[in-house]
Amino acid sequence: MRFMIQDMLDLAQIKSGKFRKNISEFNIKKSVQKVMDIQSQQAADKKLALTCEFIGFHDDDDDTSGNVGGLRSPIIKCDENRVMQVLLGL
């Protein structure tokens, strides 16, 4: 419900020309896991399997140094709320 309200507020801000992005560094793996947690019960109710696999990322969630041993960091710089809105929309 919170995300639906946020979507409507975003649309109103876009129409009025007052939309602002909140760019910050965040862990994309953790954000995807939040979305998975939110959607898991709905998937289970519909007898669907909801899975996600990260390939090519190292497991040190707090590391912001970039590549480690050829693996990418899960830290990205973006608007986390907008990324989660898109993922929930999928």
PDB file of N, CA and C in Angstrom:
ATOM      1  N   MET A   1       0.825  -1.194   0.000  1.00  0.00           N
ATOM      2  CA  MET A   1       0.000   0.000   0.000  1.00  0.00           C
ATOM      3  C   MET A   1       0.871   1.261   0.000  1.00  0.00           C
ATOM      4  N   ARG A   2       1.945   1.210   0.822  1.00  0.00           N
ATOM      5  CA  ARG A   2       2.833   2.361   0.918  1.00  0.00           C
ATOM      6  C   ARG A   2       3.411   2.726  -0.449  1.00  0.00           C
ATOM      7  N   PHE A   3       3.763   1.697  -1.227  1.00  0.00           N
ATOM      8  CA  PHE A   3       4.367   1.946  -2.522  1.00  0.00           C
ATOM      9  C   PHE A   3       3.349   2.508  -3.517  1.00  0.00           C
ATOM     10  N   MET A   4       2.105   2.103  -3.412  1.00  0.00           N
ATOM     11  CA  MET A   4       1.070   2.636  -4.287  1.00  0.00           C
ATOM     12  C   MET A   4       0.855   4.131  -4.025  1.00  0.00           C
ATOM     13  N   ILE A   5       0.836   4.479  -2.772  1.00  0.00           N
ATOM     14  CA  ILE A   5       0.678   5.888  -2.398  1.00  0.00           C
ATOM     15  C   ILE A   5       1.886   6.678  -2.894  1.00  0.00           C
ATOM     16  N   GLN A   6       3.088   6.110  -2.724  1.00  0.00           N
ATOM     17  CA  GLN A   6       4.296   6.782  -3.190  1.00  0.00           C
ATOM     18  C   GLN A   6       4.265   6.971  -4.707  1.00  0.00           C
ATOM     19  N   ASP A   7       3.775   5.970  -5.440  1.00  0.00           N
ATOM     20  CA  ASP A   7       3.651   6.084  -6.897  1.00  0.00           C
ATOM     21  C   ASP A   7       2.743   7.249  -7.284  1.00  0.00           C
ATOM     22  N   MET A   8       1.622   7.377  -6.582  1.00  0.00           N
ATOM     23  CA  MET A   8       0.685   8.461  -6.892  1.00  0.00           C
ATOM     24  C   MET A   8       1.298   9.825  -6.569  1.00  0.00           C
ATOM     25  N   LEU A   9       2.025   9.905  -5.458  1.00  0.00           N
ATOM     26  CA  LEU A   9       2.692  11.158  -5.103  1.00  0.00           C
ATOM     27  C   LEU A   9       3.769  11.507  -6.126  1.00  0.00           C
ATOM     28  N   ASP A  10       4.499  10.503  -6.581  1.00  0.00           N
ATOM     29  CA  ASP A  10       5.531  10.736  -7.602  1.00  0.00           C
ATOM     30  C   ASP A  10       4.911  11.264  -8.882  1.00  0.00           C
ATOM     31  N   LEU A  11       3.808  10.687  -9.293  1.00  0.00           N
ATOM     32  CA  LEU A  11       3.142  11.119 -10.520  1.00  0.00           C
ATOM     33  C   LEU A  11       2.694  12.580 -10.399  1.00  0.00           C
ATOM     34  N   ALA A  12       2.152  12.934  -9.248  1.00  0.00           N
ATOM     35  CA  ALA A  12       1.725  14.318  -9.027  1.00  0.00           C
ATOM     36  C   ALA A  12       2.927  15.266  -9.066  1.00  0.00           C
ATOM     37  N   GLN A  13       4.046  14.839  -8.495  1.00  0.00           N
ATOM     38  CA  GLN A  13       5.247  15.673  -8.513  1.00  0.00           C
ATOM     39  C   GLN A  13       5.792  15.825  -9.927  1.00  0.00           C
ATOM     40  N   ILE A  14       5.753  14.765 -10.697  1.00  0.00           N
ATOM     41  CA  ILE A  14       6.224  14.838 -12.084  1.00  0.00           C
ATOM     42  C   ILE A  14       5.367  15.822 -12.873  1.00  0.00           C
ATOM     43  N   LYS A  15       4.063  15.713 -12.718  1.00  0.00           N
ATOM     44  CA  LYS A  15       3.154  16.607 -13.437  1.00  0.00           C
ATOM     45  C   LYS A  15       3.348  18.066 -13.045  1.00  0.00           C
ATOM     46  N   SER A  16       3.699  18.310 -11.790  1.00  0.00           N
ATOM     47  CA  SER A  16       3.872  19.687 -11.334  1.00  0.00           C
ATOM     48  C   SER A  16       5.306  20.192 -11.534  1.00  0.00           C
ATOM     49  N   GLY A  17       6.184  19.310 -12.028  1.00  0.00           N
ATOM     50  CA  GLY A  17       7.572  19.701 -12.248  1.00  0.00           C
ATOM     51  C   GLY A  17       8.398  19.772 -10.982  1.00  0.00           C
ATOM     52  N   LYS A  18       7.945  19.126  -9.914  1.00  0.00           N
ATOM     53  CA  LYS A  18       8.645  19.189  -8.631  1.00  0.00           C
ATOM     54  C   LYS A  18       9.229  17.849  -8.198  1.00  0.00           C
ATOM     55  N   PHE A  19       9.397  16.932  -9.123  1.00  0.00           N
ATOM     56  CA  PHE A  19       9.921  15.608  -8.803  1.00  0.00           C
ATOM     57  C   PHE A  19      11.411  15.698  -8.470  1.00  0.00           C
ATOM     58  N   ARG A  20      11.801  15.076  -7.348  1.00  0.00           N
ATOM     59  CA  ARG A  20      13.202  15.063  -6.942  1.00  0.00           C
ATOM     60  C   ARG A  20      13.677  13.632  -6.760  1.00  0.00           C
ATOM     61  N   LYS A  21      14.911  13.392  -7.188  1.00  0.00           N
ATOM     62  CA  LYS A  21      15.520  12.076  -6.988  1.00  0.00           C
ATOM     63  C   LYS A  21      16.311  12.100  -5.697  1.00  0.00           C
ATOM     64  N   ASN A  22      16.395  10.960  -5.062  1.00  0.00           N
ATOM     65  CA  ASN A  22      17.185  10.813  -3.847  1.00  0.00           C
ATOM     66  C   ASN A  22      18.318   9.839  -4.157  1.00  0.00           C
ATOM     67  N   ILE A  23      19.410  10.345  -4.706  1.00  0.00           N
ATOM     68  CA  ILE A  23      20.523   9.507  -5.118  1.00  0.00           C
ATOM     69  C   ILE A  23      21.422   9.217  -3.917  1.00  0.00           C
ATOM     70  N   SER A  24      21.679   7.941  -3.695  1.00  0.00           N
ATOM     71  CA  SER A  24      22.565   7.515  -2.614  1.00  0.00           C
ATOM     72  C   SER A  24      23.147   6.153  -2.960  1.00  0.00           C
ATOM     73  N   GLU A  25      24.173   5.761  -2.225  1.00  0.00           N
ATOM     74  CA  GLU A  25      24.737   4.430  -2.399  1.00  0.00           C
ATOM     75  C   GLU A  25      23.941   3.465  -1.533  1.00  0.00           C
ATOM     76  N   PHE A  26      23.599   2.320  -2.099  1.00  0.00           N
ATOM     77  CA  PHE A  26      22.886   1.297  -1.340  1.00  0.00           C
ATOM     78  C   PHE A  26      23.227  -0.074  -1.898  1.00  0.00           C
ATOM     79  N   ASN A  27      22.913  -1.081  -1.121  1.00  0.00           N
ATOM     80  CA  ASN A  27      23.199  -2.461  -1.483  1.00  0.00           C
ATOM     81  C   ASN A  27      22.023  -3.017  -2.285  1.00  0.00           C
ATOM     82  N   ILE A  28      22.241  -3.244  -3.571  1.00  0.00           N
ATOM     83  CA  ILE A  28      21.158  -3.708  -4.442  1.00  0.00           C
ATOM     84  C   ILE A  28      20.662  -5.095  -4.028  1.00  0.00           C
ATOM     85  N   LYS A  29      21.554  -5.924  -3.528  1.00  0.00           N
ATOM     86  CA  LYS A  29      21.129  -7.260  -3.086  1.00  0.00           C
ATOM     87  C   LYS A  29      20.122  -7.150  -1.941  1.00  0.00           C
ATOM     88  N   LYS A  30      20.379  -6.248  -0.998  1.00  0.00           N
ATOM     89  CA  LYS A  30      19.461  -6.069   0.135  1.00  0.00           C
ATOM     90  C   LYS A  30      18.121  -5.499  -0.330  1.00  0.00           C
ATOM     91  N   SER A  31      18.159  -4.581  -1.287  1.00  0.00           N
ATOM     92  CA  SER A  31      16.915  -4.001  -1.801  1.00  0.00           C
ATOM     93  C   SER A  31      16.077  -5.040  -2.519  1.00  0.00           C
ATOM     94  N   VAL A  32      16.724  -5.864  -3.327  1.00  0.00           N
ATOM     95  CA  VAL A  32      16.001  -6.940  -4.022  1.00  0.00           C
ATOM     96  C   VAL A  32      15.424  -7.913  -2.998  1.00  0.00           C
ATOM     97  N   GLN A  33      16.175  -8.209  -1.940  1.00  0.00           N
ATOM     98  CA  GLN A  33      15.677  -9.117  -0.910  1.00  0.00           C
ATOM     99  C   GLN A  33      14.447  -8.529  -0.211  1.00  0.00           C
ATOM    100  N   LYS A  34      14.430  -7.210   0.010  1.00  0.00           N
ATOM    101  CA  LYS A  34      13.248  -6.565   0.599  1.00  0.00           C
ATOM    102  C   LYS A  34      12.023  -6.782  -0.290  1.00  0.00           C
ATOM    103  N   VAL A  35      12.206  -6.605  -1.594  1.00  0.00           N
ATOM    104  CA  VAL A  35      11.101  -6.798  -2.534  1.00  0.00           C
ATOM    105  C   VAL A  35      10.671  -8.262  -2.529  1.00  0.00           C
ATOM    106  N   MET A  36      11.631  -9.172  -2.494  1.00  0.00           N
ATOM    107  CA  MET A  36      11.303 -10.603  -2.448  1.00  0.00           C
ATOM    108  C   MET A  36      10.493 -10.920  -1.190  1.00  0.00           C
ATOM    109  N   ASP A  37      10.887 -10.341  -0.055  1.00  0.00           N
ATOM    110  CA  ASP A  37      10.157 -10.565   1.201  1.00  0.00           C
ATOM    111  C   ASP A  37       8.724 -10.042   1.100  1.00  0.00           C
ATOM    112  N   ILE A  38       8.567  -8.870   0.488  1.00  0.00           N
ATOM    113  CA  ILE A  38       7.236  -8.271   0.337  1.00  0.00           C
ATOM    114  C   ILE A  38       6.345  -9.141  -0.545  1.00  0.00           C
ATOM    115  N   GLN A  39       6.902  -9.663  -1.626  1.00  0.00           N
ATOM    116  CA  GLN A  39       6.105 -10.394  -2.620  1.00  0.00           C
ATOM    117  C   GLN A  39       5.999 -11.898  -2.359  1.00  0.00           C
ATOM    118  N   SER A  40       6.793 -12.434  -1.447  1.00  0.00           N
ATOM    119  CA  SER A  40       6.829 -13.893  -1.259  1.00  0.00           C
ATOM    120  C   SER A  40       5.482 -14.482  -0.844  1.00  0.00           C
ATOM    121  N   GLN A  41       4.752 -13.807   0.015  1.00  0.00           N
ATOM    122  CA  GLN A  41       3.465 -14.351   0.456  1.00  0.00           C
ATOM    123  C   GLN A  41       2.453 -14.376  -0.688  1.00  0.00           C
ATOM    124  N   GLN A  42       2.422 -13.325  -1.500  1.00  0.00           N
ATOM    125  CA  GLN A  42       1.510 -13.317  -2.648  1.00  0.00           C
ATOM    126  C   GLN A  42       1.861 -14.431  -3.621  1.00  0.00           C
ATOM    127  N   ALA A  43       3.145 -14.660  -3.829  1.00  0.00           N
ATOM    128  CA  ALA A  43       3.572 -15.741  -4.716  1.00  0.00           C
ATOM    129  C   ALA A  43       3.157 -17.086  -4.143  1.00  0.00           C
ATOM    130  N   ALA A  44       3.357 -17.281  -2.853  1.00  0.00           N
ATOM    131  CA  ALA A  44       2.982 -18.545  -2.215  1.00  0.00           C
ATOM    132  C   ALA A  44       1.475 -18.773  -2.302  1.00  0.00           C
ATOM    133  N   ASP A  45       0.692 -17.723  -2.113  1.00  0.00           N
ATOM    134  CA  ASP A  45      -0.768 -17.837  -2.220  1.00  0.00           C
ATOM    135  C   ASP A  45      -1.200 -18.300  -3.606  1.00  0.00           C
ATOM    136  N   LYS A  46      -0.434 -17.931  -4.617  1.00  0.00           N
ATOM    137  CA  LYS A  46      -0.746 -18.312  -6.002  1.00  0.00           C
ATOM    138  C   LYS A  46      -0.001 -19.570  -6.438  1.00  0.00           C
ATOM    139  N   LYS A  47       0.667 -20.207  -5.452  1.00  0.00           N
ATOM    140  CA  LYS A  47       1.434 -21.433  -5.709  1.00  0.00           C
ATOM    141  C   LYS A  47       2.529 -21.215  -6.758  1.00  0.00           C
ATOM    142  N   LEU A  48       3.190 -20.057  -6.645  1.00  0.00           N
ATOM    143  CA  LEU A  48       4.295 -19.718  -7.534  1.00  0.00           C
ATOM    144  C   LEU A  48       5.602 -19.723  -6.747  1.00  0.00           C
ATOM    145  N   ALA A  49       6.663 -20.090  -7.419  1.00  0.00           N
ATOM    146  CA  ALA A  49       7.986 -20.039  -6.802  1.00  0.00           C
ATOM    147  C   ALA A  49       8.612 -18.687  -7.142  1.00  0.00           C
ATOM    148  N   LEU A  50       9.033 -17.972  -6.142  1.00  0.00           N
ATOM    149  CA  LEU A  50       9.667 -16.674  -6.327  1.00  0.00           C
ATOM    150  C   LEU A  50      11.122 -16.827  -5.908  1.00  0.00           C
ATOM    151  N   THR A  51      12.025 -16.748  -6.870  1.00  0.00           N
ATOM    152  CA  THR A  51      13.440 -16.935  -6.575  1.00  0.00           C
ATOM    153  C   THR A  51      14.267 -15.813  -7.189  1.00  0.00           C
ATOM    154  N   CYS A  52      15.446 -15.644  -6.649  1.00  0.00           N
ATOM    155  CA  CYS A  52      16.371 -14.647  -7.162  1.00  0.00           C
ATOM    156  C   CYS A  52      17.782 -15.162  -6.915  1.00  0.00           C
ATOM    157  N   GLU A  53      18.646 -14.985  -7.904  1.00  0.00           N
ATOM    158  CA  GLU A  53      20.033 -15.413  -7.763  1.00  0.00           C
ATOM    159  C   GLU A  53      20.944 -14.305  -8.274  1.00  0.00           C
ATOM    160  N   PHE A  54      21.928 -13.948  -7.487  1.00  0.00           N
ATOM    161  CA  PHE A  54      22.922 -12.962  -7.891  1.00  0.00           C
ATOM    162  C   PHE A  54      24.171 -13.704  -8.330  1.00  0.00           C
ATOM    163  N   ILE A  55      24.602 -13.450  -9.545  1.00  0.00           N
ATOM    164  CA  ILE A  55      25.796 -14.084 -10.090  1.00  0.00           C
ATOM    165  C   ILE A  55      26.833 -12.999 -10.351  1.00  0.00           C
ATOM    166  N   GLY A  56      28.038 -13.215  -9.905  1.00  0.00           N
ATOM    167  CA  GLY A  56      29.115 -12.268 -10.176  1.00  0.00           C
ATOM    168  C   GLY A  56      29.275 -11.180  -9.140  1.00  0.00           C
ATOM    169  N   PHE A  57      28.615 -11.306  -7.981  1.00  0.00           N
ATOM    170  CA  PHE A  57      28.759 -10.333  -6.895  1.00  0.00           C
ATOM    171  C   PHE A  57      29.449 -11.011  -5.725  1.00  0.00           C
ATOM    172  N   HIS A  58      30.337 -10.283  -5.050  1.00  0.00           N
ATOM    173  CA  HIS A  58      30.935 -10.846  -3.844  1.00  0.00           C
ATOM    174  C   HIS A  58      29.947 -10.719  -2.696  1.00  0.00           C
ATOM    175  N   ASP A  59      30.190 -11.469  -1.626  1.00  0.00           N
ATOM    176  CA  ASP A  59      29.228 -11.553  -0.528  1.00  0.00           C
ATOM    177  C   ASP A  59      29.447 -10.552   0.591  1.00  0.00           C
ATOM    178  N   ASP A  60      30.497  -9.753   0.535  1.00  0.00           N
ATOM    179  CA  ASP A  60      30.760  -8.779   1.595  1.00  0.00           C
ATOM    180  C   ASP A  60      29.826  -7.588   1.416  1.00  0.00           C
ATOM    181  N   ASP A  61      28.682  -7.617   2.095  1.00  0.00           N
ATOM    182  CA  ASP A  61      27.623  -6.624   1.900  1.00  0.00           C
ATOM    183  C   ASP A  61      28.035  -5.199   2.258  1.00  0.00           C
ATOM    184  N   ASP A  62      29.014  -5.036   3.133  1.00  0.00           N
ATOM    185  CA  ASP A  62      29.385  -3.697   3.577  1.00  0.00           C
ATOM    186  C   ASP A  62      30.525  -3.096   2.768  1.00  0.00           C
ATOM    187  N   ASP A  63      31.069  -3.834   1.810  1.00  0.00           N
ATOM    188  CA  ASP A  63      32.214  -3.361   1.042  1.00  0.00           C
ATOM    189  C   ASP A  63      31.743  -2.439  -0.078  1.00  0.00           C
ATOM    190  N   THR A  64      32.345  -1.270  -0.165  1.00  0.00           N
ATOM    191  CA  THR A  64      32.011  -0.334  -1.237  1.00  0.00           C
ATOM    192  C   THR A  64      33.207  -0.107  -2.155  1.00  0.00           C
ATOM    193  N   SER A  65      34.165  -1.048  -2.125  1.00  0.00           N
ATOM    194  CA  SER A  65      35.411  -0.833  -2.853  1.00  0.00           C
ATOM    195  C   SER A  65      35.341  -1.201  -4.327  1.00  0.00           C
ATOM    196  N   GLY A  66      34.252  -1.713  -4.802  1.00  0.00           N
ATOM    197  CA  GLY A  66      34.156  -2.073  -6.225  1.00  0.00           C
ATOM    198  C   GLY A  66      34.426  -3.537  -6.443  1.00  0.00           C
ATOM    199  N   ASN A  67      35.384  -3.855  -7.295  1.00  0.00           N
ATOM    200  CA  ASN A  67      35.679  -5.245  -7.624  1.00  0.00           C
ATOM    201  C   ASN A  67      36.556  -5.902  -6.560  1.00  0.00           C
ATOM    202  N   VAL A  68      36.226  -7.134  -6.230  1.00  0.00           N
ATOM    203  CA  VAL A  68      37.011  -7.941  -5.308  1.00  0.00           C
ATOM    204  C   VAL A  68      37.210  -9.285  -5.966  1.00  0.00           C
ATOM    205  N   GLY A  69      38.429  -9.587  -6.334  1.00  0.00           N
ATOM    206  CA  GLY A  69      38.713 -10.873  -6.966  1.00  0.00           C
ATOM    207  C   GLY A  69      37.931 -11.084  -8.250  1.00  0.00           C
ATOM    208  N   GLY A  70      37.687 -10.013  -8.990  1.00  0.00           N
ATOM    209  CA  GLY A  70      36.949 -10.124 -10.247  1.00  0.00           C
ATOM    210  C   GLY A  70      35.441 -10.071 -10.081  1.00  0.00           C
ATOM    211  N   LEU A  71      34.956 -10.080  -8.847  1.00  0.00           N
ATOM    212  CA  LEU A  71      33.514 -10.008  -8.593  1.00  0.00           C
ATOM    213  C   LEU A  71      33.126  -8.569  -8.294  1.00  0.00           C
ATOM    214  N   ARG A  72      31.939  -8.180  -8.717  1.00  0.00           N
ATOM    215  CA  ARG A  72      31.452  -6.820  -8.504  1.00  0.00           C
ATOM    216  C   ARG A  72      30.871  -6.647  -7.103  1.00  0.00           C
ATOM    217  N   SER A  73      30.921  -5.412  -6.636  1.00  0.00           N
ATOM    218  CA  SER A  73      30.308  -5.055  -5.367  1.00  0.00           C
ATOM    219  C   SER A  73      28.796  -4.911  -5.561  1.00  0.00           C
ATOM    220  N   PRO A  74      27.991  -5.262  -4.547  1.00  0.00           N
ATOM    221  CA  PRO A  74      26.543  -5.071  -4.653  1.00  0.00           C
ATOM    222  C   PRO A  74      26.108  -3.638  -4.366  1.00  0.00           C
ATOM    223  N   ILE A  75      27.060  -2.733  -4.163  1.00  0.00           N
ATOM    224  CA  ILE A  75      26.750  -1.342  -3.847  1.00  0.00           C
ATOM    225  C   ILE A  75      26.606  -0.556  -5.149  1.00  0.00           C
ATOM    226  N   ILE A  76      25.457   0.118  -5.305  1.00  0.00           N
ATOM    227  CA  ILE A  76      25.248   0.959  -6.480  1.00  0.00           C
ATOM    228  C   ILE A  76      24.834   2.354  -6.018  1.00  0.00           C
ATOM    229  N   LYS A  77      24.913   3.316  -6.918  1.00  0.00           N
ATOM    230  CA  LYS A  77      24.503   4.693  -6.616  1.00  0.00           C
ATOM    231  C   LYS A  77      23.306   5.016  -7.486  1.00  0.00           C
ATOM    232  N   CYS A  78      22.166   5.199  -6.834  1.00  0.00           N
ATOM    233  CA  CYS A  78      20.907   5.382  -7.554  1.00  0.00           C
ATOM    234  C   CYS A  78      19.855   5.842  -6.548  1.00  0.00           C
ATOM    235  N   ASP A  79      18.612   5.924  -6.965  1.00  0.00           N
ATOM    236  CA  ASP A  79      17.498   6.234  -6.080  1.00  0.00           C
ATOM    237  C   ASP A  79      16.860   4.900  -5.666  1.00  0.00           C
ATOM    238  N   GLU A  80      17.142   4.473  -4.453  1.00  0.00           N
ATOM    239  CA  GLU A  80      16.701   3.154  -3.985  1.00  0.00           C
ATOM    240  C   GLU A  80      15.179   2.999  -4.027  1.00  0.00           C
ATOM    241  N   ASN A  81      14.454   4.017  -3.634  1.00  0.00           N
ATOM    242  CA  ASN A  81      12.992   3.917  -3.649  1.00  0.00           C
ATOM    243  C   ASN A  81      12.453   3.703  -5.061  1.00  0.00           C
ATOM    244  N   ARG A  82      13.042   4.375  -6.032  1.00  0.00           N
ATOM    245  CA  ARG A  82      12.582   4.212  -7.430  1.00  0.00           C
ATOM    246  C   ARG A  82      12.917   2.822  -7.948  1.00  0.00           C
ATOM    247  N   VAL A  83      14.098   2.311  -7.569  1.00  0.00           N
ATOM    248  CA  VAL A  83      14.472   0.951  -7.984  1.00  0.00           C
ATOM    249  C   VAL A  83      13.484  -0.053  -7.394  1.00  0.00           C
ATOM    250  N   MET A  84      13.144   0.131  -6.128  1.00  0.00           N
ATOM    251  CA  MET A  84      12.194  -0.795  -5.489  1.00  0.00           C
ATOM    252  C   MET A  84      10.802  -0.663  -6.126  1.00  0.00           C
ATOM    253  N   GLN A  85      10.395   0.543  -6.488  1.00  0.00           N
ATOM    254  CA  GLN A  85       9.102   0.719  -7.168  1.00  0.00           C
ATOM    255  C   GLN A  85       9.075  -0.055  -8.472  1.00  0.00           C
ATOM    256  N   VAL A  86      10.161   0.024  -9.235  1.00  0.00           N
ATOM    257  CA  VAL A  86      10.232  -0.701 -10.502  1.00  0.00           C
ATOM    258  C   VAL A  86      10.174  -2.213 -10.259  1.00  0.00           C
ATOM    259  N   LEU A  87      10.942  -2.691  -9.296  1.00  0.00           N
ATOM    260  CA  LEU A  87      10.950  -4.127  -9.004  1.00  0.00           C
ATOM    261  C   LEU A  87       9.580  -4.617  -8.540  1.00  0.00           C
ATOM    262  N   LEU A  88       8.914  -3.841  -7.714  1.00  0.00           N
ATOM    263  CA  LEU A  88       7.574  -4.226  -7.268  1.00  0.00           C
ATOM    264  C   LEU A  88       6.583  -4.217  -8.433  1.00  0.00           C
ATOM    265  N   GLY A  89       6.792  -3.331  -9.382  1.00  0.00           N
ATOM    266  CA  GLY A  89       5.916  -3.263 -10.557  1.00  0.00           C
ATOM    267  C   GLY A  89       6.061  -4.469 -11.472  1.00  0.00           C
ATOM    268  N   LEU A  90       7.221  -5.112 -11.414  1.00  0.00           N
ATOM    269  CA  LEU A  90       7.435  -6.289 -12.248  1.00  0.00           C
ATOM    270  C   LEU A  90       6.643  -7.450 -11.722  1.00  0.00           C
TER     271      LEU A  90
END
